[in-house]
Amino acid sequence: MGGDLFVVGLSWRTAPVAVREKLAFRDEELPEVLAHLLQVPGVGEAVVLSTCNRVEIYGATADAAPPVVAAAVAATRRHLADSRGVPFDSLAGVIYEHQGEAAVRHTFRVAAALDSLVLGEAQVLGQLKAAFAASQQAGGVGALLGRCLERAFGVAKRVRTETAISRGAANVSTVAVELAARVFGSLDGKSVLVVGAGKMSALAARHLRASGAIDIVVTNRSPARAETLAAEIEAVARPWEDVEKLLVGADVVISSTAAAEPILGRDLLKRVTRARRYAPIVVIDIAVPRDADPAIGELDGVYLFDIDDLEKVVATNLQGRAREAEAADKIVVAECAEFRKWLGAQRVVPTIRSLREHFEMIARAELERGLERLARIEDPAERAEQVRRTVGLIVNKLLHTPTTALRSGGDGIESLVMAAQRLFQLAEKEAAEAATEKPPPADDKPEGGEGPTRPELVRGRHR
C-alpha cells in the first residue's frame, strides 16, 4: 500500500452558499463524477461528499511520492471546478486541501461533526456513510481510503459515546420538540396543530411526529397552502374558520404565520383552556412578529415558548457542545496516531514481501545445488560437511550486500549500524551473552603476577 490520502473541497467555513451550490453534485451524478475522478492522473480512490454545507473529495493516490501526491491534488482541484463549469480562478481562497495526516484528521473531524456548522449534529455522519457506499458501488474505494473512512465512522461513534457533544438540541425546531416533551413527559399520542405554513413549523411538526405525536392538523388562511403543507408532512388540512375548535383539540400548537398582529390572543386562549378543562397546552410561537400574545403564558395550563426562548436554549446547548469539543478533539488526535501506526505498518509490507522473496530465492538456489552434491556423497561425515558448507554459502550470500554496505564507511554509516543492530537485536544479544558469562575465580591474578593455585599441587601437599 504505497499511496497517500488527501482531501480537496470547500465548506461553510470558506464559501457562501451561492458558491457551494454551484459546485454541489446531485446523487444521480455521482457514478459519472467518480468515474471521471478515477481517471485524474495519480488518483487511485475517491469519495465525493456533497451537502448543503460542504462539497469535498476524499482521495487516495496510487503512489506516496510527494510529487505524485501534489500533482494529483492539483489536478483534483482543477477537475472540481471544470466539472461544474466554474472558472478555476474564481475559487482562489475558497477551495482548501489537506494531505497525509492532515487529511486523516480532517476526515475524522468531519465524521464526528467537529467541523459542522452545528457542532455535534448527527446528519453529516449519515451523509458521509451514504457517500462512502455510493463510491463503493462505483468501484471508487480501495484499501487505503476505505480503511480511513471506516475508522472515521468508528471515531464518530467514540465521540458520541464518550462525550456529550451531541446532547441537547441545537436548532430551533428540535428545541421546540424537547420543550414540549418536558411539559408532557412524553409526546406519545399527543395531537398537534400547525397554524400557518412556515418551513420551521413544518420541520418542528416532523420532529413531533417522530417523537410520538399522532394527529397533525394544518390550518392556514390560504386553503391551498394548508393543503400543500399537509401533504408534505403527512397531516390533515382544516379550515381557518375552525381555529378555535382546533385549538381545543390540540396538545401542541406550532404557529408561524405572516400576521402583523398576534392571532393567538388572551381572550381566545382563555376560552380554549376553559373548554379543555385546563389540560396542559404547549404553544410554540416561531413567528416574527410574534403570533401569540405574551399574556397567554399567564393562563393556567398554557405553556408558551417564543422564538427568543427557543434560541436561548439553542445557545446554551451549543455552549455545552463547545466545551465537549475539546474532549472530542483529544479522541481524534489519539485515533490519528493509531491510524498513522497502521499506515506505517502497511507501507513496509511491499518491502517485507520483496525481502522474503529475495531471501527465499537465494536459499532455494543454494539448497538445490547442495542437494545435488549431497546425492553423490555416501560417507556420513562428508554428507554432514556438505550440509554445513551449503548453510554457510546461504548465509554468506544473504549477508553479502548488507556487509558490503556496512564496510563502505560512507555517509550515514552510523545509521546503518544502528539499523542493523535494531533489526537483528544485536545489542540485546550481546547484553544477554555478557550476562551469562561466568565471572573469574576470586583468587585469579592478572597476567604477570602470581598465577592461580594449581589443584594438583594443592592435592600434593595433602598427600
Protein backbone atom coordinates (compact mmCIF):
# COMPACT_ATOMS: atom_id res chain seq x y z
CA MET A 1 0.00 0.00 0.00
CA GLY A 2 2.12 2.83 -1.30
CA GLY A 3 -0.38 5.68 -1.69
CA ASP A 4 -1.29 8.71 0.38
CA LEU A 5 -4.55 10.40 1.41
CA PHE A 6 -5.83 13.84 0.51
CA VAL A 7 -8.97 15.99 0.77
CA VAL A 8 -9.99 18.76 -1.64
CA GLY A 9 -13.13 20.81 -1.09
CA LEU A 10 -14.95 23.78 0.31
CA SER A 11 -17.40 24.25 3.17
CA TRP A 12 -19.50 26.79 5.04
CA ARG A 13 -16.25 28.00 6.61
CA THR A 14 -14.70 29.07 3.30
CA ALA A 15 -17.54 29.67 0.82
CA PRO A 16 -21.01 31.25 0.87
CA VAL A 17 -24.00 29.19 -0.18
CA ALA A 18 -24.04 30.90 -3.58
CA VAL A 19 -20.66 29.32 -4.33
CA ARG A 20 -21.36 25.98 -2.65
CA GLU A 21 -24.49 25.39 -4.68
CA LYS A 22 -22.56 25.92 -7.92
CA LEU A 23 -20.18 23.09 -7.04
CA ALA A 24 -22.73 20.74 -5.48
CA PHE A 25 -23.42 17.30 -7.01
CA ARG A 26 -26.77 15.54 -7.22
CA ASP A 27 -26.92 11.91 -6.12
CA GLU A 28 -27.64 10.67 -9.62
CA GLU A 29 -24.47 12.38 -10.89
CA LEU A 30 -22.11 10.61 -8.52
CA PRO A 31 -21.31 7.47 -10.57
CA GLU A 32 -20.21 9.56 -13.55
CA VAL A 33 -18.35 12.04 -11.34
CA LEU A 34 -16.48 9.23 -9.61
CA ALA A 35 -15.60 7.59 -12.91
CA HIS A 36 -14.05 10.83 -14.15
CA LEU A 37 -12.21 11.40 -10.85
CA LEU A 38 -10.58 7.99 -11.04
CA GLN A 39 -9.17 8.99 -14.42
CA VAL A 40 -7.39 12.01 -12.93
CA PRO A 41 -3.62 11.28 -13.04
CA GLY A 42 -2.39 9.89 -9.73
CA VAL A 43 -5.86 9.39 -8.18
CA GLY A 44 -6.49 5.77 -7.25
CA GLU A 45 -9.52 6.09 -4.94
CA ALA A 46 -12.20 8.74 -4.44
CA VAL A 47 -15.33 9.53 -2.42
CA VAL A 48 -17.48 12.61 -3.09
CA LEU A 49 -19.41 14.22 -0.23
CA SER A 50 -21.91 16.88 -1.35
CA THR A 51 -24.22 18.50 1.22
CA CYS A 52 -25.72 21.93 1.76
CA ASN A 53 -22.74 22.87 3.92
CA ARG A 54 -19.81 21.25 2.10
CA VAL A 55 -18.55 19.74 -1.15
CA GLU A 56 -15.48 17.58 -0.59
CA ILE A 57 -13.48 14.96 -2.48
CA TYR A 58 -11.71 12.40 -0.31
CA GLY A 59 -8.99 10.72 -2.32
CA ALA A 60 -6.04 8.34 -2.20
CA THR A 61 -3.15 8.29 -4.61
CA ALA A 62 -1.58 5.16 -6.02
CA ASP A 63 1.91 6.39 -5.09
CA ALA A 64 3.05 8.19 -1.93
CA ALA A 65 5.88 10.08 -3.65
CA PRO A 66 5.40 13.82 -2.80
CA PRO A 67 5.47 14.97 -6.47
CA VAL A 68 2.80 12.40 -7.38
CA VAL A 69 0.56 13.42 -4.46
CA ALA A 70 0.98 17.14 -5.18
CA ALA A 71 0.14 16.64 -8.84
CA ALA A 72 -2.95 14.55 -8.01
CA VAL A 73 -4.23 17.16 -5.56
CA ALA A 74 -3.70 20.00 -8.04
CA ALA A 75 -5.45 18.04 -10.79
CA THR A 76 -8.38 17.24 -8.47
CA ARG A 77 -8.80 20.93 -7.60
CA ARG A 78 -8.89 21.78 -11.27
CA HIS A 79 -11.26 18.90 -12.02
CA LEU A 80 -13.72 20.02 -9.31
CA ALA A 81 -14.02 23.46 -10.90
CA ASP A 82 -14.10 22.25 -14.51
CA SER A 83 -16.69 19.54 -13.83
CA ARG A 84 -19.17 22.16 -12.60
CA GLY A 85 -18.32 24.74 -15.23
CA VAL A 86 -16.94 27.21 -12.68
CA PRO A 87 -13.87 29.32 -13.58
CA PHE A 88 -10.95 27.93 -11.61
CA ASP A 89 -9.52 31.34 -10.78
CA SER A 90 -12.80 32.40 -9.17
CA LEU A 91 -12.31 29.75 -6.48
CA ALA A 92 -8.99 31.08 -5.20
CA GLY A 93 -9.16 31.21 -1.42
CA VAL A 94 -12.35 29.14 -1.38
CA ILE A 95 -11.12 25.60 -2.06
CA TYR A 96 -8.90 24.03 0.60
CA GLU A 97 -6.76 20.92 0.55
CA HIS A 98 -5.27 18.56 3.11
CA GLN A 99 -2.66 15.86 2.58
CA GLY A 100 -1.37 12.93 4.61
CA GLU A 101 -2.04 13.12 8.32
CA ALA A 102 -3.86 16.45 7.95
CA ALA A 103 -6.30 14.75 5.56
CA VAL A 104 -6.90 11.94 8.07
CA ARG A 105 -7.55 14.42 10.87
CA HIS A 106 -9.95 16.45 8.72
CA THR A 107 -11.86 13.31 7.73
CA PHE A 108 -12.17 12.18 11.35
CA ARG A 109 -13.37 15.64 12.43
CA VAL A 110 -15.98 15.81 9.67
CA ALA A 111 -17.36 12.38 10.59
CA ALA A 112 -17.50 13.36 14.27
CA ALA A 113 -19.32 16.63 13.39
CA LEU A 114 -16.49 18.74 14.82
CA ASP A 115 -16.27 20.69 11.56
CA SER A 116 -20.03 21.15 11.14
CA LEU A 117 -21.98 24.39 11.12
CA VAL A 118 -23.94 22.93 14.05
CA LEU A 119 -21.32 21.35 16.29
CA GLY A 120 -22.08 17.72 17.10
CA GLU A 121 -25.01 17.34 14.68
CA ALA A 122 -25.67 13.78 13.56
CA GLN A 123 -26.68 14.37 9.95
CA VAL A 124 -23.21 14.65 8.43
CA LEU A 125 -22.20 11.16 9.57
CA GLY A 126 -25.12 9.65 7.68
CA GLN A 127 -24.26 11.73 4.62
CA LEU A 128 -20.64 10.60 4.73
CA LYS A 129 -21.69 6.95 5.06
CA ALA A 130 -24.00 7.35 2.06
CA ALA A 131 -21.18 8.91 0.01
CA PHE A 132 -18.89 6.04 1.00
CA ALA A 133 -21.49 3.46 -0.04
CA ALA A 134 -22.04 5.21 -3.38
CA SER A 135 -18.32 5.16 -4.10
CA GLN A 136 -18.04 1.51 -3.10
CA GLN A 137 -20.79 0.64 -5.54
CA ALA A 138 -18.97 2.59 -8.28
CA GLY A 139 -15.65 0.85 -7.51
CA GLY A 140 -14.03 4.02 -6.20
CA VAL A 141 -12.91 2.74 -2.78
CA GLY A 142 -9.78 0.69 -2.16
CA ALA A 143 -7.84 -0.47 0.88
CA LEU A 144 -6.37 2.89 1.95
CA LEU A 145 -9.34 5.26 1.64
CA GLY A 146 -11.69 2.50 2.73
CA ARG A 147 -9.74 1.95 5.94
CA CYS A 148 -9.60 5.71 6.60
CA LEU A 149 -13.35 6.21 6.27
CA GLU A 150 -14.25 3.08 8.21
CA ARG A 151 -12.01 4.31 11.02
CA ALA A 152 -13.66 7.75 10.74
CA PHE A 153 -17.04 6.12 11.42
CA GLY A 154 -15.52 4.45 14.47
CA VAL A 155 -14.16 7.80 15.67
CA ALA A 156 -17.62 9.36 15.31
CA LYS A 157 -19.09 6.56 17.42
CA ARG A 158 -16.42 7.06 20.11
CA VAL A 159 -17.06 10.80 20.21
CA ARG A 160 -20.81 10.32 20.61
CA THR A 161 -20.36 7.61 23.23
CA GLU A 162 -17.58 9.14 25.30
CA THR A 163 -18.55 12.84 25.16
CA ALA A 164 -21.77 14.85 25.49
CA ILE A 165 -21.17 16.78 22.28
CA SER A 166 -24.40 15.63 20.64
CA ARG A 167 -26.62 16.13 23.67
CA GLY A 168 -29.06 18.99 23.77
CA ALA A 169 -30.94 20.18 20.70
CA ALA A 170 -29.01 22.62 18.53
CA ASN A 171 -31.74 24.02 16.29
CA VAL A 172 -34.98 25.84 17.00
CA SER A 173 -37.29 23.12 15.67
CA THR A 174 -35.70 20.36 17.74
CA VAL A 175 -35.65 22.53 20.86
CA ALA A 176 -39.37 23.15 20.40
CA VAL A 177 -39.98 19.41 20.47
CA GLU A 178 -37.76 18.93 23.53
CA LEU A 179 -39.59 21.66 25.46
CA ALA A 180 -42.97 20.17 24.57
CA ALA A 181 -41.76 16.76 25.72
CA ARG A 182 -40.69 18.25 29.07
CA VAL A 183 -44.20 19.53 29.69
CA PHE A 184 -45.93 16.23 28.96
CA GLY A 185 -43.17 13.81 29.93
CA SER A 186 -43.84 12.00 26.65
CA LEU A 187 -45.30 13.05 23.33
CA ASP A 188 -46.77 9.63 22.60
CA GLY A 189 -50.36 10.03 21.46
CA LYS A 190 -50.36 13.84 21.57
CA SER A 191 -52.12 15.87 18.87
CA VAL A 192 -50.51 18.78 17.04
CA LEU A 193 -51.96 21.88 15.38
CA VAL A 194 -49.81 23.76 12.88
CA VAL A 195 -51.04 27.33 12.43
CA GLY A 196 -49.62 28.89 9.27
CA ALA A 197 -47.44 27.28 6.64
CA GLY A 198 -43.91 28.23 7.63
CA LYS A 199 -40.97 25.93 6.89
CA MET A 200 -39.79 25.91 10.51
CA SER A 201 -43.27 24.89 11.66
CA ALA A 202 -43.25 22.04 9.18
CA LEU A 203 -39.85 20.87 10.41
CA ALA A 204 -40.98 21.03 14.04
CA ALA A 205 -44.12 19.06 13.14
CA ARG A 206 -42.00 16.32 11.56
CA HIS A 207 -39.88 16.13 14.73
CA LEU A 208 -43.03 15.92 16.84
CA ARG A 209 -44.35 13.03 14.75
CA ALA A 210 -41.01 11.24 15.09
CA SER A 211 -41.26 11.72 18.86
CA GLY A 212 -44.64 10.01 19.08
CA ALA A 213 -47.26 12.66 18.28
CA ILE A 214 -50.12 11.18 16.23
CA ASP A 215 -52.72 13.57 14.77
CA ILE A 216 -51.24 16.57 12.99
CA VAL A 217 -53.60 19.21 11.64
CA VAL A 218 -52.69 22.21 9.49
CA THR A 219 -54.73 25.39 9.21
CA ASN A 220 -53.94 28.49 7.19
CA ARG A 221 -55.79 31.48 5.78
CA SER A 222 -54.92 30.15 2.33
CA PRO A 223 -56.58 26.70 1.98
CA ALA A 224 -54.27 25.82 -0.93
CA ARG A 225 -51.13 26.42 1.14
CA ALA A 226 -52.62 24.44 4.02
CA GLU A 227 -53.30 21.51 1.68
CA THR A 228 -49.76 21.68 0.25
CA LEU A 229 -48.07 21.71 3.66
CA ALA A 230 -50.37 18.98 4.99
CA ALA A 231 -49.38 16.74 2.09
CA GLU A 232 -45.68 17.38 2.78
CA ILE A 233 -45.81 16.45 6.48
CA GLU A 234 -48.49 13.71 6.32
CA ALA A 235 -51.08 15.87 8.07
CA VAL A 236 -54.70 16.90 7.53
CA ALA A 237 -55.74 20.40 6.38
CA ARG A 238 -58.64 22.13 8.16
CA PRO A 239 -60.41 25.48 7.52
CA TRP A 240 -59.06 28.63 9.14
CA GLU A 241 -62.54 29.45 10.47
CA ASP A 242 -62.32 26.40 12.77
CA VAL A 243 -59.13 27.59 14.52
CA GLU A 244 -60.71 27.90 17.98
CA LYS A 245 -62.21 24.42 17.77
CA LEU A 246 -58.88 23.08 16.51
CA LEU A 247 -57.04 24.69 19.43
CA VAL A 248 -59.33 22.95 21.89
CA GLY A 249 -58.38 19.58 20.41
CA ALA A 250 -54.63 20.24 20.27
CA ASP A 251 -51.98 19.40 22.86
CA VAL A 252 -49.17 21.19 21.00
CA VAL A 253 -49.64 24.30 18.84
CA ILE A 254 -46.93 25.44 16.44
CA SER A 255 -47.61 28.87 14.99
CA SER A 256 -45.71 30.57 12.18
CA THR A 257 -47.85 32.98 10.16
CA ALA A 258 -47.04 36.29 8.48
CA ALA A 259 -49.63 38.19 10.52
CA ALA A 260 -48.72 41.71 11.60
CA GLU A 261 -50.62 41.34 14.90
CA PRO A 262 -50.94 38.40 17.33
CA ILE A 263 -53.58 35.88 16.25
CA LEU A 264 -53.45 33.86 19.49
CA GLY A 265 -54.80 36.40 21.94
CA ARG A 266 -55.56 36.16 25.65
CA ASP A 267 -59.36 36.05 25.25
CA LEU A 268 -59.15 33.28 22.64
CA LEU A 269 -56.82 31.11 24.76
CA LYS A 270 -58.89 31.78 27.86
CA ARG A 271 -61.92 30.23 26.12
CA VAL A 272 -59.76 27.39 24.82
CA THR A 273 -58.31 26.47 28.21
CA ARG A 274 -61.74 26.53 29.80
CA ALA A 275 -63.02 24.18 27.10
CA ARG A 276 -60.02 21.92 27.68
CA ARG A 277 -60.74 21.92 31.42
CA TYR A 278 -57.29 23.43 31.86
CA ALA A 279 -55.46 20.42 30.47
CA PRO A 280 -51.90 21.46 29.51
CA ILE A 281 -51.41 23.00 26.07
CA VAL A 282 -48.00 23.95 24.68
CA VAL A 283 -47.88 26.93 22.33
CA ILE A 284 -44.68 27.25 20.29
CA ASP A 285 -44.57 30.63 18.56
CA ILE A 286 -41.88 30.63 15.85
CA ALA A 287 -43.25 33.69 14.03
CA VAL A 288 -41.59 37.09 13.78
CA PRO A 289 -43.53 39.29 14.51
CA ARG A 290 -44.99 37.05 17.20
CA ASP A 291 -48.27 35.21 16.63
CA ALA A 292 -49.01 34.74 20.34
CA ASP A 293 -49.78 37.47 22.84
CA PRO A 294 -47.20 37.07 25.68
CA ALA A 295 -50.09 37.41 28.16
CA ILE A 296 -51.38 33.93 27.29
CA GLY A 297 -48.39 32.47 29.10
CA GLU A 298 -50.01 33.65 32.36
CA LEU A 299 -53.08 31.47 31.84
CA ASP A 300 -53.45 28.21 33.76
CA GLY A 301 -52.39 25.23 31.67
CA VAL A 302 -50.74 27.29 28.90
CA TYR A 303 -47.01 26.81 28.29
CA LEU A 304 -45.80 29.47 25.86
CA PHE A 305 -42.41 29.44 24.14
CA ASP A 306 -41.49 32.11 21.61
CA ILE A 307 -38.52 32.31 19.23
CA ASP A 308 -36.36 34.05 21.84
CA ASP A 309 -36.96 31.27 24.36
CA LEU A 310 -36.03 28.66 21.78
CA GLU A 311 -32.88 30.45 20.64
CA LYS A 312 -31.70 30.89 24.25
CA VAL A 313 -31.92 27.12 24.74
CA VAL A 314 -30.08 26.56 21.47
CA ALA A 315 -27.30 28.95 22.55
CA THR A 316 -26.98 27.21 25.93
CA ASN A 317 -26.82 23.80 24.31
CA LEU A 318 -24.20 24.95 21.81
CA GLN A 319 -22.04 26.31 24.62
CA GLY A 320 -22.17 22.91 26.26
CA ARG A 321 -21.22 21.25 22.99
CA ALA A 322 -18.29 23.63 22.56
CA ARG A 323 -16.95 22.56 25.96
CA GLU A 324 -17.23 18.92 24.94
CA ALA A 325 -15.41 19.58 21.66
CA GLU A 326 -12.07 19.68 23.49
CA ALA A 327 -12.55 16.12 24.74
CA ALA A 328 -13.72 15.05 21.30
CA ASP A 329 -10.62 16.53 19.68
CA LYS A 330 -8.43 14.50 22.03
CA ILE A 331 -10.14 11.36 20.75
CA VAL A 332 -9.45 12.47 17.17
CA VAL A 333 -5.77 13.08 17.95
CA ALA A 334 -5.40 9.65 19.56
CA GLU A 335 -7.17 7.93 16.65
CA CYS A 336 -4.98 9.77 14.14
CA ALA A 337 -1.90 8.43 15.92
CA GLU A 338 -3.28 4.89 15.74
CA PHE A 339 -4.09 5.28 12.06
CA ARG A 340 -0.57 6.58 11.43
CA LYS A 341 0.87 3.44 13.03
CA TRP A 342 -1.36 1.25 10.90
CA LEU A 343 -0.44 3.13 7.74
CA GLY A 344 3.27 2.90 8.56
CA ALA A 345 2.95 -0.84 9.01
CA GLN A 346 1.11 -1.17 5.69
CA ARG A 347 3.74 0.80 3.82
CA VAL A 348 6.53 -1.62 4.79
CA VAL A 349 4.56 -4.65 3.60
CA PRO A 350 5.91 -4.46 0.00
CA THR A 351 9.47 -4.18 1.34
CA ILE A 352 8.97 -7.16 3.65
CA ARG A 353 7.50 -9.15 0.79
CA SER A 354 10.42 -8.30 -1.50
CA LEU A 355 12.92 -9.12 1.24
CA ARG A 356 11.32 -12.50 1.87
CA GLU A 357 11.20 -13.33 -1.84
CA HIS A 358 14.87 -12.31 -2.25
CA PHE A 359 16.00 -14.47 0.69
CA GLU A 360 13.91 -17.43 -0.43
CA MET A 361 15.36 -17.22 -3.96
CA ILE A 362 18.94 -17.29 -2.66
CA ALA A 363 18.23 -20.08 -0.16
CA ARG A 364 16.37 -22.19 -2.74
CA ALA A 365 19.17 -21.88 -5.35
CA GLU A 366 21.94 -22.85 -2.91
CA LEU A 367 19.85 -25.61 -1.38
CA GLU A 368 19.19 -27.20 -4.78
CA ARG A 369 22.90 -27.14 -5.61
CA GLY A 370 23.73 -28.57 -2.20
CA LEU A 371 21.21 -31.38 -2.58
CA GLU A 372 22.69 -32.30 -5.94
CA ARG A 373 26.16 -32.64 -4.37
CA LEU A 374 24.73 -34.46 -1.38
CA ALA A 375 23.19 -37.10 -3.62
CA ARG A 376 26.68 -38.06 -4.86
CA ILE A 377 28.19 -38.46 -1.37
CA GLU A 378 27.87 -41.67 0.62
CA ASP A 379 30.19 -41.08 3.57
CA PRO A 380 28.16 -39.71 6.55
CA ALA A 381 30.94 -37.36 7.64
CA GLU A 382 31.28 -35.90 4.15
CA ARG A 383 27.49 -35.54 3.90
CA ALA A 384 27.42 -33.61 7.15
CA GLU A 385 30.26 -31.39 5.92
CA GLN A 386 28.33 -30.73 2.69
CA VAL A 387 25.26 -29.64 4.67
CA ARG A 388 27.42 -27.26 6.74
CA ARG A 389 29.01 -25.91 3.55
CA THR A 390 25.57 -25.29 1.96
CA VAL A 391 24.34 -23.45 5.06
CA GLY A 392 27.50 -21.34 5.05
CA LEU A 393 27.03 -20.42 1.39
CA ILE A 394 23.44 -19.37 2.04
CA VAL A 395 24.49 -17.21 4.98
CA ASN A 396 27.34 -15.63 3.01
CA LYS A 397 25.10 -14.73 0.08
CA LEU A 398 22.39 -13.34 2.33
CA LEU A 399 24.89 -11.16 4.17
CA HIS A 400 26.95 -10.10 1.17
CA THR A 401 25.03 -6.91 0.28
CA PRO A 402 24.41 -5.66 3.85
CA THR A 403 28.01 -6.48 4.85
CA THR A 404 29.35 -4.53 1.88
CA ALA A 405 27.16 -1.57 2.84
CA LEU A 406 28.35 -1.69 6.47
CA ARG A 407 32.00 -1.80 5.40
CA SER A 408 31.64 1.09 2.97
CA GLY A 409 32.31 3.67 5.68
CA GLY A 410 30.39 6.32 3.73
CA ASP A 411 27.89 8.92 4.89
CA GLY A 412 25.18 7.55 7.12
CA ILE A 413 27.20 4.53 8.23
CA GLU A 414 26.20 5.15 11.85
CA SER A 415 22.54 4.95 10.87
CA LEU A 416 23.16 1.68 9.02
CA VAL A 417 24.93 0.19 12.04
CA MET A 418 22.12 1.23 14.36
CA ALA A 419 19.53 -0.13 11.92
CA ALA A 420 21.33 -3.49 11.72
CA GLN A 421 21.58 -3.70 15.50
CA ARG A 422 17.90 -2.88 15.86
CA LEU A 423 16.66 -5.16 13.08
CA PHE A 424 18.56 -8.19 14.37
CA GLN A 425 18.53 -7.24 18.08
CA LEU A 426 22.33 -7.46 18.21
CA ALA A 427 22.71 -5.19 21.23
CA GLU A 428 20.21 -7.26 23.21
CA LYS A 429 22.00 -10.48 22.24
CA GLU A 430 25.39 -9.07 23.27
CA ALA A 431 23.97 -7.98 26.61
CA ALA A 432 22.38 -11.40 27.15
CA GLU A 433 25.64 -13.19 26.33
CA ALA A 434 27.58 -10.93 28.69
CA ALA A 435 25.11 -11.63 31.47
CA THR A 436 25.52 -15.41 31.10
CA GLU A 437 29.34 -15.42 31.22
CA LYS A 438 30.76 -16.84 34.49
CA PRO A 439 32.93 -14.40 36.49
CA PRO A 440 36.57 -15.44 37.03
CA PRO A 441 37.51 -17.10 40.35
CA ALA A 442 38.10 -14.67 43.19
CA ASP A 443 41.82 -15.67 43.57
CA ASP A 444 42.68 -15.15 39.87
CA LYS A 445 45.62 -12.78 39.40
CA PRO A 446 46.32 -10.56 36.42
CA GLU A 447 48.90 -11.72 33.89
CA GLY A 448 52.49 -11.13 35.14
CA GLY A 449 51.65 -11.68 38.83
CA GLU A 450 51.26 -14.77 40.91
CA GLY A 451 49.20 -17.29 38.91
CA PRO A 452 46.28 -19.22 40.21
CA THR A 453 46.95 -22.12 42.53
CA ARG A 454 47.20 -25.43 40.66
CA PRO A 455 44.76 -28.01 42.03
CA GLU A 456 47.18 -30.87 41.62
CA LEU A 457 49.83 -29.08 43.79
CA VAL A 458 47.26 -28.46 46.48
CA ARG A 459 46.33 -32.06 46.48
CA GLY A 460 50.03 -32.95 46.58
CA ARG A 461 50.60 -31.08 49.82
CA HIS A 462 47.91 -33.14 51.49
CA ARG A 463 49.38 -36.45 50.43
